[in-house]
Amino acid sequence: MAARHGKKLNQVLRMLRKHCPVEKPVRVICKNLNKARICGCCMAYVNQAGKITRFVIQIDSNLGQLTAIDTLLHEWAHALDQDLNGVAVEPHRDSWGECYAQVWRAYDDHISD
């Protein structure tokens, strides 16, 4: 992952991989998303059989560090939810909310000051 947002974002990513693991590979990249007018996104790659094979999380490289961390937590919850519950038609379904809470608890327990 690009070091644009500093060591703290990398620390959060390592914590997520350890305490909120996603079975499928997750790649996190920082890039300019200004044209899309979004802070980040989580893309699930699906094979012909309809099974998720991997995730790519993109975070806008223009965000401040705290917003980038918040975005990573939000998007990781999408990957975790879809890994556990399948492809989401409604991205912010109840199961996503449960995953988001789990991600924030892990962050609060292991990272926040």
PDB file of N, CA and C in Angstrom:
ATOM      1  N   MET A   1       0.849  -1.178   0.000  1.00  0.00           N
ATOM      2  CA  MET A   1       0.000   0.000   0.000  1.00  0.00           C
ATOM      3  C   MET A   1       0.888   1.232   0.000  1.00  0.00           C
ATOM      4  N   ALA A   2       0.440   2.256  -0.671  1.00  0.00           N
ATOM      5  CA  ALA A   2       1.196   3.496  -0.723  1.00  0.00           C
ATOM      6  C   ALA A   2       1.326   4.091   0.671  1.00  0.00           C
ATOM      7  N   ALA A   3       2.461   4.717   0.926  1.00  0.00           N
ATOM      8  CA  ALA A   3       2.722   5.286   2.239  1.00  0.00           C
ATOM      9  C   ALA A   3       2.161   6.699   2.373  1.00  0.00           C
ATOM     10  N   ARG A   4       1.329   7.122   1.447  1.00  0.00           N
ATOM     11  CA  ARG A   4       0.781   8.482   1.438  1.00  0.00           C
ATOM     12  C   ARG A   4       0.149   8.851   2.772  1.00  0.00           C
ATOM     13  N   HIS A   5      -0.523   7.931   3.413  1.00  0.00           N
ATOM     14  CA  HIS A   5      -1.226   8.226   4.654  1.00  0.00           C
ATOM     15  C   HIS A   5      -0.430   7.838   5.891  1.00  0.00           C
ATOM     16  N   GLY A   6       0.791   7.423   5.707  1.00  0.00           N
ATOM     17  CA  GLY A   6       1.687   7.196   6.823  1.00  0.00           C
ATOM     18  C   GLY A   6       1.612   5.821   7.452  1.00  0.00           C
ATOM     19  N   LYS A   7       2.457   5.662   8.443  1.00  0.00           N
ATOM     20  CA  LYS A   7       2.592   4.381   9.123  1.00  0.00           C
ATOM     21  C   LYS A   7       1.318   3.985   9.863  1.00  0.00           C
ATOM     22  N   LYS A   8       0.553   4.967  10.310  1.00  0.00           N
ATOM     23  CA  LYS A   8      -0.660   4.673  11.081  1.00  0.00           C
ATOM     24  C   LYS A   8      -1.653   3.869  10.241  1.00  0.00           C
ATOM     25  N   LEU A   9      -1.855   4.238   8.992  1.00  0.00           N
ATOM     26  CA  LEU A   9      -2.781   3.500   8.136  1.00  0.00           C
ATOM     27  C   LEU A   9      -2.281   2.078   7.911  1.00  0.00           C
ATOM     28  N   ASN A  10      -0.986   1.911   7.721  1.00  0.00           N
ATOM     29  CA  ASN A  10      -0.425   0.566   7.572  1.00  0.00           C
ATOM     30  C   ASN A  10      -0.612  -0.248   8.844  1.00  0.00           C
ATOM     31  N   GLN A  11      -0.484   0.402   9.990  1.00  0.00           N
ATOM     32  CA  GLN A  11      -0.698  -0.265  11.278  1.00  0.00           C
ATOM     33  C   GLN A  11      -2.148  -0.738  11.397  1.00  0.00           C
ATOM     34  N   VAL A  12      -3.081   0.106  10.993  1.00  0.00           N
ATOM     35  CA  VAL A  12      -4.498  -0.260  11.035  1.00  0.00           C
ATOM     36  C   VAL A  12      -4.761  -1.436  10.094  1.00  0.00           C
ATOM     37  N   LEU A  13      -4.172  -1.416   8.911  1.00  0.00           N
ATOM     38  CA  LEU A  13      -4.355  -2.515   7.966  1.00  0.00           C
ATOM     39  C   LEU A  13      -3.828  -3.826   8.542  1.00  0.00           C
ATOM     40  N   ARG A  14      -2.667  -3.803   9.152  1.00  0.00           N
ATOM     41  CA  ARG A  14      -2.129  -5.026   9.779  1.00  0.00           C
ATOM     42  C   ARG A  14      -3.055  -5.527  10.881  1.00  0.00           C
ATOM     43  N   MET A  15      -3.603  -4.608  11.677  1.00  0.00           N
ATOM     44  CA  MET A  15      -4.527  -4.981  12.738  1.00  0.00           C
ATOM     45  C   MET A  15      -5.776  -5.629  12.160  1.00  0.00           C
ATOM     46  N   LEU A  16      -6.315  -5.067  11.085  1.00  0.00           N
ATOM     47  CA  LEU A  16      -7.511  -5.629  10.459  1.00  0.00           C
ATOM     48  C   LEU A  16      -7.244  -7.035   9.941  1.00  0.00           C
ATOM     49  N   ARG A  17      -6.115  -7.221   9.302  1.00  0.00           N
ATOM     50  CA  ARG A  17      -5.779  -8.546   8.777  1.00  0.00           C
ATOM     51  C   ARG A  17      -5.690  -9.577   9.907  1.00  0.00           C
ATOM     52  N   LYS A  18      -5.239  -9.147  11.074  1.00  0.00           N
ATOM     53  CA  LYS A  18      -5.084 -10.067  12.203  1.00  0.00           C
ATOM     54  C   LYS A  18      -6.397 -10.286  12.967  1.00  0.00           C
ATOM     55  N   HIS A  19      -7.116  -9.220  13.276  1.00  0.00           N
ATOM     56  CA  HIS A  19      -8.264  -9.299  14.183  1.00  0.00           C
ATOM     57  C   HIS A  19      -9.623  -9.354  13.476  1.00  0.00           C
ATOM     58  N   CYS A  20      -9.675  -9.014  12.208  1.00  0.00           N
ATOM     59  CA  CYS A  20     -10.909  -9.082  11.415  1.00  0.00           C
ATOM     60  C   CYS A  20     -10.571  -9.717  10.063  1.00  0.00           C
ATOM     61  N   PRO A  21     -10.079 -10.944  10.086  1.00  0.00           N
ATOM     62  CA  PRO A  21      -9.563 -11.535   8.843  1.00  0.00           C
ATOM     63  C   PRO A  21     -10.656 -11.797   7.808  1.00  0.00           C
ATOM     64  N   VAL A  22     -10.285 -11.572   6.574  1.00  0.00           N
ATOM     65  CA  VAL A  22     -11.116 -11.896   5.419  1.00  0.00           C
ATOM     66  C   VAL A  22     -10.451 -13.094   4.750  1.00  0.00           C
ATOM     67  N   GLU A  23     -11.243 -14.108   4.457  1.00  0.00           N
ATOM     68  CA  GLU A  23     -10.682 -15.347   3.893  1.00  0.00           C
ATOM     69  C   GLU A  23     -10.057 -15.129   2.519  1.00  0.00           C
ATOM     70  N   LYS A  24     -10.696 -14.333   1.691  1.00  0.00           N
ATOM     71  CA  LYS A  24     -10.179 -14.064   0.343  1.00  0.00           C
ATOM     72  C   LYS A  24      -9.102 -12.987   0.413  1.00  0.00           C
ATOM     73  N   PRO A  25      -8.199 -12.958  -0.561  1.00  0.00           N
ATOM     74  CA  PRO A  25      -7.167 -11.912  -0.574  1.00  0.00           C
ATOM     75  C   PRO A  25      -7.784 -10.514  -0.682  1.00  0.00           C
ATOM     76  N   VAL A  26      -7.204  -9.581   0.061  1.00  0.00           N
ATOM     77  CA  VAL A  26      -7.635  -8.179   0.023  1.00  0.00           C
ATOM     78  C   VAL A  26      -6.422  -7.324  -0.294  1.00  0.00           C
ATOM     79  N   ARG A  27      -6.519  -6.559  -1.367  1.00  0.00           N
ATOM     80  CA  ARG A  27      -5.458  -5.616  -1.750  1.00  0.00           C
ATOM     81  C   ARG A  27      -5.980  -4.212  -1.465  1.00  0.00           C
ATOM     82  N   VAL A  28      -5.175  -3.392  -0.811  1.00  0.00           N
ATOM     83  CA  VAL A  28      -5.550  -2.013  -0.503  1.00  0.00           C
ATOM     84  C   VAL A  28      -4.619  -1.094  -1.274  1.00  0.00           C
ATOM     85  N   ILE A  29      -5.211  -0.175  -2.033  1.00  0.00           N
ATOM     86  CA  ILE A  29      -4.415   0.783  -2.796  1.00  0.00           C
ATOM     87  C   ILE A  29      -4.950   2.189  -2.568  1.00  0.00           C
ATOM     88  N   CYS A  30      -4.033   3.129  -2.548  1.00  0.00           N
ATOM     89  CA  CYS A  30      -4.395   4.541  -2.450  1.00  0.00           C
ATOM     90  C   CYS A  30      -4.204   5.162  -3.823  1.00  0.00           C
ATOM     91  N   LYS A  31      -5.243   5.843  -4.288  1.00  0.00           N
ATOM     92  CA  LYS A  31      -5.158   6.508  -5.583  1.00  0.00           C
ATOM     93  C   LYS A  31      -6.093   7.697  -5.587  1.00  0.00           C
ATOM     94  N   ASN A  32      -5.916   8.569  -6.544  1.00  0.00           N
ATOM     95  CA  ASN A  32      -6.753   9.760  -6.650  1.00  0.00           C
ATOM     96  C   ASN A  32      -8.141   9.355  -7.123  1.00  0.00           C
ATOM     97  N   LEU A  33      -9.129   9.524  -6.254  1.00  0.00           N
ATOM     98  CA  LEU A  33     -10.517   9.186  -6.591  1.00  0.00           C
ATOM     99  C   LEU A  33     -11.387  10.430  -6.718  1.00  0.00           C
ATOM    100  N   ASN A  34     -10.760  11.611  -6.837  1.00  0.00           N
ATOM    101  CA  ASN A  34     -11.527  12.856  -6.889  1.00  0.00           C
ATOM    102  C   ASN A  34     -12.573  12.861  -7.994  1.00  0.00           C
ATOM    103  N   LYS A  35     -12.251  12.306  -9.154  1.00  0.00           N
ATOM    104  CA  LYS A  35     -13.207  12.308 -10.262  1.00  0.00           C
ATOM    105  C   LYS A  35     -14.461  11.521  -9.912  1.00  0.00           C
ATOM    106  N   ALA A  36     -14.310  10.487  -9.098  1.00  0.00           N
ATOM    107  CA  ALA A  36     -15.455   9.680  -8.689  1.00  0.00           C
ATOM    108  C   ALA A  36     -16.202  10.317  -7.520  1.00  0.00           C
ATOM    109  N   ARG A  37     -15.591  11.309  -6.890  1.00  0.00           N
ATOM    110  CA  ARG A  37     -16.181  12.006  -5.738  1.00  0.00           C
ATOM    111  C   ARG A  37     -16.545  11.066  -4.598  1.00  0.00           C
ATOM    112  N   ILE A  38     -15.652  10.122  -4.338  1.00  0.00           N
ATOM    113  CA  ILE A  38     -15.838   9.191  -3.233  1.00  0.00           C
ATOM    114  C   ILE A  38     -14.560   9.136  -2.413  1.00  0.00           C
ATOM    115  N   CYS A  39     -14.691   8.725  -1.166  1.00  0.00           N
ATOM    116  CA  CYS A  39     -13.513   8.567  -0.304  1.00  0.00           C
ATOM    117  C   CYS A  39     -12.839   7.228  -0.535  1.00  0.00           C
ATOM    118  N   GLY A  40     -13.643   6.223  -0.887  1.00  0.00           N
ATOM    119  CA  GLY A  40     -13.091   4.892  -1.107  1.00  0.00           C
ATOM    120  C   GLY A  40     -14.138   3.949  -1.640  1.00  0.00           C
ATOM    121  N   CYS A  41     -13.692   2.756  -1.987  1.00  0.00           N
ATOM    122  CA  CYS A  41     -14.620   1.732  -2.450  1.00  0.00           C
ATOM    123  C   CYS A  41     -14.006   0.358  -2.231  1.00  0.00           C
ATOM    124  N   CYS A  42     -14.881  -0.632  -2.164  1.00  0.00           N
ATOM    125  CA  CYS A  42     -14.464  -2.021  -2.033  1.00  0.00           C
ATOM    126  C   CYS A  42     -15.065  -2.776  -3.203  1.00  0.00           C
ATOM    127  N   MET A  43     -14.205  -3.363  -4.012  1.00  0.00           N
ATOM    128  CA  MET A  43     -14.672  -4.121  -5.171  1.00  0.00           C
ATOM    129  C   MET A  43     -14.450  -5.604  -4.925  1.00  0.00           C
ATOM    130  N   ALA A  44     -15.493  -6.378  -5.099  1.00  0.00           N
ATOM    131  CA  ALA A  44     -15.395  -7.830  -5.000  1.00  0.00           C
ATOM    132  C   ALA A  44     -15.272  -8.384  -6.411  1.00  0.00           C
ATOM    133  N   TYR A  45     -14.304  -9.245  -6.629  1.00  0.00           N
ATOM    134  CA  TYR A  45     -14.130  -9.902  -7.923  1.00  0.00           C
ATOM    135  C   TYR A  45     -14.764 -11.281  -7.829  1.00  0.00           C
ATOM    136  N   VAL A  46     -15.644 -11.574  -8.775  1.00  0.00           N
ATOM    137  CA  VAL A  46     -16.447 -12.789  -8.745  1.00  0.00           C
ATOM    138  C   VAL A  46     -16.116 -13.642  -9.970  1.00  0.00           C
ATOM    139  N   ASN A  47     -15.952 -14.950  -9.759  1.00  0.00           N
ATOM    140  CA  ASN A  47     -15.664 -15.850 -10.875  1.00  0.00           C
ATOM    141  C   ASN A  47     -16.960 -16.255 -11.589  1.00  0.00           C
ATOM    142  N   GLN A  48     -16.835 -17.069 -12.622  1.00  0.00           N
ATOM    143  CA  GLN A  48     -18.009 -17.469 -13.410  1.00  0.00           C
ATOM    144  C   GLN A  48     -19.018 -18.269 -12.603  1.00  0.00           C
ATOM    145  N   ALA A  49     -18.563 -18.906 -11.548  1.00  0.00           N
ATOM    146  CA  ALA A  49     -19.460 -19.687 -10.690  1.00  0.00           C
ATOM    147  C   ALA A  49     -20.167 -18.806  -9.659  1.00  0.00           C
ATOM    148  N   GLY A  50     -19.876 -17.497  -9.681  1.00  0.00           N
ATOM    149  CA  GLY A  50     -20.518 -16.576  -8.752  1.00  0.00           C
ATOM    150  C   GLY A  50     -19.851 -16.490  -7.390  1.00  0.00           C
ATOM    151  N   LYS A  51     -18.659 -17.054  -7.262  1.00  0.00           N
ATOM    152  CA  LYS A  51     -17.928 -17.026  -5.991  1.00  0.00           C
ATOM    153  C   LYS A  51     -16.931 -15.872  -5.983  1.00  0.00           C
ATOM    154  N   ILE A  52     -16.851 -15.199  -4.857  1.00  0.00           N
ATOM    155  CA  ILE A  52     -15.874 -14.115  -4.713  1.00  0.00           C
ATOM    156  C   ILE A  52     -14.478 -14.720  -4.654  1.00  0.00           C
ATOM    157  N   THR A  53     -13.562 -14.147  -5.451  1.00  0.00           N
ATOM    158  CA  THR A  53     -12.180 -14.647  -5.475  1.00  0.00           C
ATOM    159  C   THR A  53     -11.200 -13.713  -4.767  1.00  0.00           C
ATOM    160  N   ARG A  54     -11.508 -12.410  -4.733  1.00  0.00           N
ATOM    161  CA  ARG A  54     -10.620 -11.443  -4.094  1.00  0.00           C
ATOM    162  C   ARG A  54     -11.333 -10.108  -3.959  1.00  0.00           C
ATOM    163  N   PHE A  55     -10.732  -9.233  -3.169  1.00  0.00           N
ATOM    164  CA  PHE A  55     -11.250  -7.875  -2.980  1.00  0.00           C
ATOM    165  C   PHE A  55     -10.149  -6.870  -3.258  1.00  0.00           C
ATOM    166  N   VAL A  56     -10.546  -5.716  -3.772  1.00  0.00           N
ATOM    167  CA  VAL A  56      -9.640  -4.582  -3.899  1.00  0.00           C
ATOM    168  C   VAL A  56     -10.317  -3.398  -3.229  1.00  0.00           C
ATOM    169  N   ILE A  57      -9.638  -2.828  -2.254  1.00  0.00           N
ATOM    170  CA  ILE A  57     -10.117  -1.625  -1.575  1.00  0.00           C
ATOM    171  C   ILE A  57      -9.284  -0.460  -2.077  1.00  0.00           C
ATOM    172  N   GLN A  58      -9.975   0.582  -2.537  1.00  0.00           N
ATOM    173  CA  GLN A  58      -9.305   1.797  -2.980  1.00  0.00           C
ATOM    174  C   GLN A  58      -9.633   2.908  -1.996  1.00  0.00           C
ATOM    175  N   ILE A  59      -8.614   3.679  -1.634  1.00  0.00           N
ATOM    176  CA  ILE A  59      -8.773   4.818  -0.739  1.00  0.00           C
ATOM    177  C   ILE A  59      -8.220   6.043  -1.439  1.00  0.00           C
ATOM    178  N   ASP A  60      -8.970   7.147  -1.394  1.00  0.00           N
ATOM    179  CA  ASP A  60      -8.530   8.371  -2.060  1.00  0.00           C
ATOM    180  C   ASP A  60      -7.235   8.872  -1.429  1.00  0.00           C
ATOM    181  N   SER A  61      -6.235   9.072  -2.256  1.00  0.00           N
ATOM    182  CA  SER A  61      -4.921   9.504  -1.776  1.00  0.00           C
ATOM    183  C   SER A  61      -4.919  10.956  -1.295  1.00  0.00           C
ATOM    184  N   ASN A  62      -5.989  11.695  -1.557  1.00  0.00           N
ATOM    185  CA  ASN A  62      -6.063  13.098  -1.139  1.00  0.00           C
ATOM    186  C   ASN A  62      -6.668  13.276   0.250  1.00  0.00           C
ATOM    187  N   LEU A  63      -7.100  12.205   0.874  1.00  0.00           N
ATOM    188  CA  LEU A  63      -7.720  12.297   2.196  1.00  0.00           C
ATOM    189  C   LEU A  63      -6.673  12.552   3.269  1.00  0.00           C
ATOM    190  N   GLY A  64      -7.103  13.183   4.347  1.00  0.00           N
ATOM    191  CA  GLY A  64      -6.256  13.286   5.527  1.00  0.00           C
ATOM    192  C   GLY A  64      -6.137  11.913   6.184  1.00  0.00           C
ATOM    193  N   GLN A  65      -5.169  11.775   7.080  1.00  0.00           N
ATOM    194  CA  GLN A  65      -4.886  10.476   7.680  1.00  0.00           C
ATOM    195  C   GLN A  65      -6.090   9.896   8.421  1.00  0.00           C
ATOM    196  N   LEU A  66      -6.752  10.677   9.255  1.00  0.00           N
ATOM    197  CA  LEU A  66      -7.888  10.156  10.028  1.00  0.00           C
ATOM    198  C   LEU A  66      -9.055   9.757   9.129  1.00  0.00           C
ATOM    199  N   THR A  67      -9.311  10.532   8.091  1.00  0.00           N
ATOM    200  CA  THR A  67     -10.391  10.189   7.158  1.00  0.00           C
ATOM    201  C   THR A  67     -10.024   8.939   6.371  1.00  0.00           C
ATOM    202  N   ALA A  68      -8.760   8.799   6.016  1.00  0.00           N
ATOM    203  CA  ALA A  68      -8.312   7.594   5.306  1.00  0.00           C
ATOM    204  C   ALA A  68      -8.480   6.358   6.187  1.00  0.00           C
ATOM    205  N   ILE A  69      -8.172   6.468   7.469  1.00  0.00           N
ATOM    206  CA  ILE A  69      -8.363   5.347   8.395  1.00  0.00           C
ATOM    207  C   ILE A  69      -9.838   5.015   8.516  1.00  0.00           C
ATOM    208  N   ASP A  70     -10.671   6.013   8.681  1.00  0.00           N
ATOM    209  CA  ASP A  70     -12.119   5.791   8.765  1.00  0.00           C
ATOM    210  C   ASP A  70     -12.633   5.117   7.498  1.00  0.00           C
ATOM    211  N   THR A  71     -12.141   5.545   6.356  1.00  0.00           N
ATOM    212  CA  THR A  71     -12.542   4.953   5.076  1.00  0.00           C
ATOM    213  C   THR A  71     -12.081   3.502   4.984  1.00  0.00           C
ATOM    214  N   LEU A  72     -10.866   3.224   5.423  1.00  0.00           N
ATOM    215  CA  LEU A  72     -10.373   1.843   5.418  1.00  0.00           C
ATOM    216  C   LEU A  72     -11.261   0.953   6.287  1.00  0.00           C
ATOM    217  N   LEU A  73     -11.624   1.411   7.470  1.00  0.00           N
ATOM    218  CA  LEU A  73     -12.492   0.626   8.352  1.00  0.00           C
ATOM    219  C   LEU A  73     -13.837   0.352   7.684  1.00  0.00           C
ATOM    220  N   HIS A  74     -14.411   1.372   7.060  1.00  0.00           N
ATOM    221  CA  HIS A  74     -15.700   1.248   6.373  1.00  0.00           C
ATOM    222  C   HIS A  74     -15.611   0.225   5.233  1.00  0.00           C
ATOM    223  N   GLU A  75     -14.586   0.358   4.411  1.00  0.00           N
ATOM    224  CA  GLU A  75     -14.459  -0.527   3.250  1.00  0.00           C
ATOM    225  C   GLU A  75     -14.068  -1.949   3.664  1.00  0.00           C
ATOM    226  N   TRP A  76     -13.269  -2.084   4.716  1.00  0.00           N
ATOM    227  CA  TRP A  76     -12.922  -3.424   5.203  1.00  0.00           C
ATOM    228  C   TRP A  76     -14.185  -4.146   5.674  1.00  0.00           C
ATOM    229  N   ALA A  77     -15.094  -3.402   6.293  1.00  0.00           N
ATOM    230  CA  ALA A  77     -16.358  -4.003   6.728  1.00  0.00           C
ATOM    231  C   ALA A  77     -17.143  -4.539   5.536  1.00  0.00           C
ATOM    232  N   HIS A  78     -17.080  -3.863   4.391  1.00  0.00           N
ATOM    233  CA  HIS A  78     -17.734  -4.383   3.179  1.00  0.00           C
ATOM    234  C   HIS A  78     -17.106  -5.704   2.756  1.00  0.00           C
ATOM    235  N   ALA A  79     -15.772  -5.765   2.753  1.00  0.00           N
ATOM    236  CA  ALA A  79     -15.097  -7.007   2.361  1.00  0.00           C
ATOM    237  C   ALA A  79     -15.425  -8.127   3.344  1.00  0.00           C
ATOM    238  N   LEU A  80     -15.388  -7.837   4.620  1.00  0.00           N
ATOM    239  CA  LEU A  80     -15.680  -8.842   5.637  1.00  0.00           C
ATOM    240  C   LEU A  80     -17.112  -9.344   5.503  1.00  0.00           C
ATOM    241  N   ASP A  81     -18.051  -8.428   5.316  1.00  0.00           N
ATOM    242  CA  ASP A  81     -19.457  -8.807   5.160  1.00  0.00           C
ATOM    243  C   ASP A  81     -19.662  -9.711   3.949  1.00  0.00           C
ATOM    244  N   GLN A  82     -19.113  -9.327   2.814  1.00  0.00           N
ATOM    245  CA  GLN A  82     -19.308 -10.126   1.606  1.00  0.00           C
ATOM    246  C   GLN A  82     -18.571 -11.459   1.689  1.00  0.00           C
ATOM    247  N   ASP A  83     -17.436 -11.483   2.385  1.00  0.00           N
ATOM    248  CA  ASP A  83     -16.722 -12.733   2.581  1.00  0.00           C
ATOM    249  C   ASP A  83     -17.559 -13.698   3.431  1.00  0.00           C
ATOM    250  N   LEU A  84     -18.225 -13.170   4.431  1.00  0.00           N
ATOM    251  CA  LEU A  84     -19.033 -14.003   5.323  1.00  0.00           C
ATOM    252  C   LEU A  84     -20.429 -14.309   4.776  1.00  0.00           C
ATOM    253  N   ASN A  85     -21.022 -13.357   4.045  1.00  0.00           N
ATOM    254  CA  ASN A  85     -22.447 -13.439   3.692  1.00  0.00           C
ATOM    255  C   ASN A  85     -22.752 -13.404   2.206  1.00  0.00           C
ATOM    256  N   GLY A  86     -21.734 -13.377   1.365  1.00  0.00           N
ATOM    257  CA  GLY A  86     -21.952 -13.358  -0.077  1.00  0.00           C
ATOM    258  C   GLY A  86     -22.079 -11.955  -0.636  1.00  0.00           C
ATOM    259  N   VAL A  87     -22.123 -11.884  -1.947  1.00  0.00           N
ATOM    260  CA  VAL A  87     -22.190 -10.613  -2.667  1.00  0.00           C
ATOM    261  C   VAL A  87     -23.409  -9.827  -2.204  1.00  0.00           C
ATOM    262  N   ALA A  88     -23.212  -8.545  -1.988  1.00  0.00           N
ATOM    263  CA  ALA A  88     -24.276  -7.683  -1.467  1.00  0.00           C
ATOM    264  C   ALA A  88     -24.978  -6.929  -2.585  1.00  0.00           C
ATOM    265  N   VAL A  89     -26.285  -7.083  -2.658  1.00  0.00           N
ATOM    266  CA  VAL A  89     -27.088  -6.241  -3.551  1.00  0.00           C
ATOM    267  C   VAL A  89     -27.274  -4.888  -2.862  1.00  0.00           C
ATOM    268  N   GLU A  90     -27.563  -4.931  -1.584  1.00  0.00           N
ATOM    269  CA  GLU A  90     -27.674  -3.724  -0.758  1.00  0.00           C
ATOM    270  C   GLU A  90     -26.385  -3.609   0.059  1.00  0.00           C
ATOM    271  N   PRO A  91     -25.513  -2.655  -0.257  1.00  0.00           N
ATOM    272  CA  PRO A  91     -24.192  -2.637   0.368  1.00  0.00           C
ATOM    273  C   PRO A  91     -24.206  -2.368   1.879  1.00  0.00           C
ATOM    274  N   HIS A  92     -25.180  -1.627   2.373  1.00  0.00           N
ATOM    275  CA  HIS A  92     -25.219  -1.308   3.801  1.00  0.00           C
ATOM    276  C   HIS A  92     -26.345  -2.066   4.492  1.00  0.00           C
ATOM    277  N   ARG A  93     -26.382  -3.368   4.216  1.00  0.00           N
ATOM    278  CA  ARG A  93     -27.381  -4.245   4.828  1.00  0.00           C
ATOM    279  C   ARG A  93     -27.039  -4.448   6.303  1.00  0.00           C
ATOM    280  N   ASP A  94     -27.940  -5.096   7.021  1.00  0.00           N
ATOM    281  CA  ASP A  94     -27.746  -5.309   8.454  1.00  0.00           C
ATOM    282  C   ASP A  94     -26.452  -6.056   8.752  1.00  0.00           C
ATOM    283  N   SER A  95     -26.125  -7.071   7.958  1.00  0.00           N
ATOM    284  CA  SER A  95     -24.901  -7.837   8.209  1.00  0.00           C
ATOM    285  C   SER A  95     -23.658  -6.970   8.020  1.00  0.00           C
ATOM    286  N   TRP A  96     -23.720  -5.981   7.109  1.00  0.00           N
ATOM    287  CA  TRP A  96     -22.604  -5.046   6.964  1.00  0.00           C
ATOM    288  C   TRP A  96     -22.461  -4.222   8.242  1.00  0.00           C
ATOM    289  N   GLY A  97     -23.575  -3.768   8.795  1.00  0.00           N
ATOM    290  CA  GLY A  97     -23.531  -2.987  10.025  1.00  0.00           C
ATOM    291  C   GLY A  97     -22.882  -3.763  11.165  1.00  0.00           C
ATOM    292  N   GLU A  98     -23.179  -5.060  11.243  1.00  0.00           N
ATOM    293  CA  GLU A  98     -22.563  -5.903  12.268  1.00  0.00           C
ATOM    294  C   GLU A  98     -21.058  -6.017  12.035  1.00  0.00           C
ATOM    295  N   CYS A  99     -20.659  -6.161  10.778  1.00  0.00           N
ATOM    296  CA  CYS A  99     -19.229  -6.237  10.455  1.00  0.00           C
ATOM    297  C   CYS A  99     -18.536  -4.906  10.744  1.00  0.00           C
ATOM    298  N   TYR A 100     -19.215  -3.813  10.449  1.00  0.00           N
ATOM    299  CA  TYR A 100     -18.653  -2.482  10.705  1.00  0.00           C
ATOM    300  C   TYR A 100     -18.430  -2.287  12.202  1.00  0.00           C
ATOM    301  N   ALA A 101     -19.386  -2.725  13.000  1.00  0.00           N
ATOM    302  CA  ALA A 101     -19.227  -2.639  14.456  1.00  0.00           C
ATOM    303  C   ALA A 101     -18.041  -3.488  14.923  1.00  0.00           C
ATOM    304  N   GLN A 102     -17.899  -4.679  14.352  1.00  0.00           N
ATOM    305  CA  GLN A 102     -16.783  -5.559  14.703  1.00  0.00           C
ATOM    306  C   GLN A 102     -15.450  -4.905  14.368  1.00  0.00           C
ATOM    307  N   VAL A 103     -15.374  -4.289  13.200  1.00  0.00           N
ATOM    308  CA  VAL A 103     -14.149  -3.623  12.755  1.00  0.00           C
ATOM    309  C   VAL A 103     -13.809  -2.461  13.690  1.00  0.00           C
ATOM    310  N   TRP A 104     -14.811  -1.657  14.051  1.00  0.00           N
ATOM    311  CA  TRP A 104     -14.573  -0.523  14.942  1.00  0.00           C
ATOM    312  C   TRP A 104     -14.167  -0.977  16.336  1.00  0.00           C
ATOM    313  N   ARG A 105     -14.763  -2.072  16.834  1.00  0.00           N
ATOM    314  CA  ARG A 105     -14.357  -2.600  18.146  1.00  0.00           C
ATOM    315  C   ARG A 105     -12.888  -3.031  18.116  1.00  0.00           C
ATOM    316  N   ALA A 106     -12.494  -3.691  17.039  1.00  0.00           N
ATOM    317  CA  ALA A 106     -11.094  -4.110  16.913  1.00  0.00           C
ATOM    318  C   ALA A 106     -10.177  -2.900  16.874  1.00  0.00           C
ATOM    319  N   TYR A 107     -10.563  -1.878  16.132  1.00  0.00           N
ATOM    320  CA  TYR A 107      -9.770  -0.651  16.062  1.00  0.00           C
ATOM    321  C   TYR A 107      -9.668  -0.006  17.439  1.00  0.00           C
ATOM    322  N   ASP A 108     -10.786   0.082  18.126  1.00  0.00           N
ATOM    323  CA  ASP A 108     -10.807   0.705  19.450  1.00  0.00           C
ATOM    324  C   ASP A 108      -9.971  -0.096  20.450  1.00  0.00           C
ATOM    325  N   ASP A 109     -10.027  -1.414  20.362  1.00  0.00           N
ATOM    326  CA  ASP A 109      -9.274  -2.268  21.296  1.00  0.00           C
ATOM    327  C   ASP A 109      -7.781  -2.295  21.029  1.00  0.00           C
ATOM    328  N   HIS A 110      -7.374  -2.155  19.771  1.00  0.00           N
ATOM    329  CA  HIS A 110      -5.972  -2.405  19.415  1.00  0.00           C
ATOM    330  C   HIS A 110      -5.209  -1.211  18.866  1.00  0.00           C
ATOM    331  N   ILE A 111      -5.898  -0.143  18.475  1.00  0.00           N
ATOM    332  CA  ILE A 111      -5.189   0.966  17.828  1.00  0.00           C
ATOM    333  C   ILE A 111      -5.440   2.305  18.481  1.00  0.00           C
ATOM    334  N   SER A 112      -6.715   2.659  18.660  1.00  0.00           N
ATOM    335  CA  SER A 112      -7.031   4.049  19.055  1.00  0.00           C
ATOM    336  C   SER A 112      -6.342   4.410  20.353  1.00  0.00           C
ATOM    337  N   ASP A 113      -6.014   5.701  20.447  1.00  0.00           N
ATOM    338  CA  ASP A 113      -5.248   6.201  21.608  1.00  0.00           C
ATOM    339  C   ASP A 113      -6.151   6.704  22.696  1.00  0.00           C
TER     340      ASP A 113
END
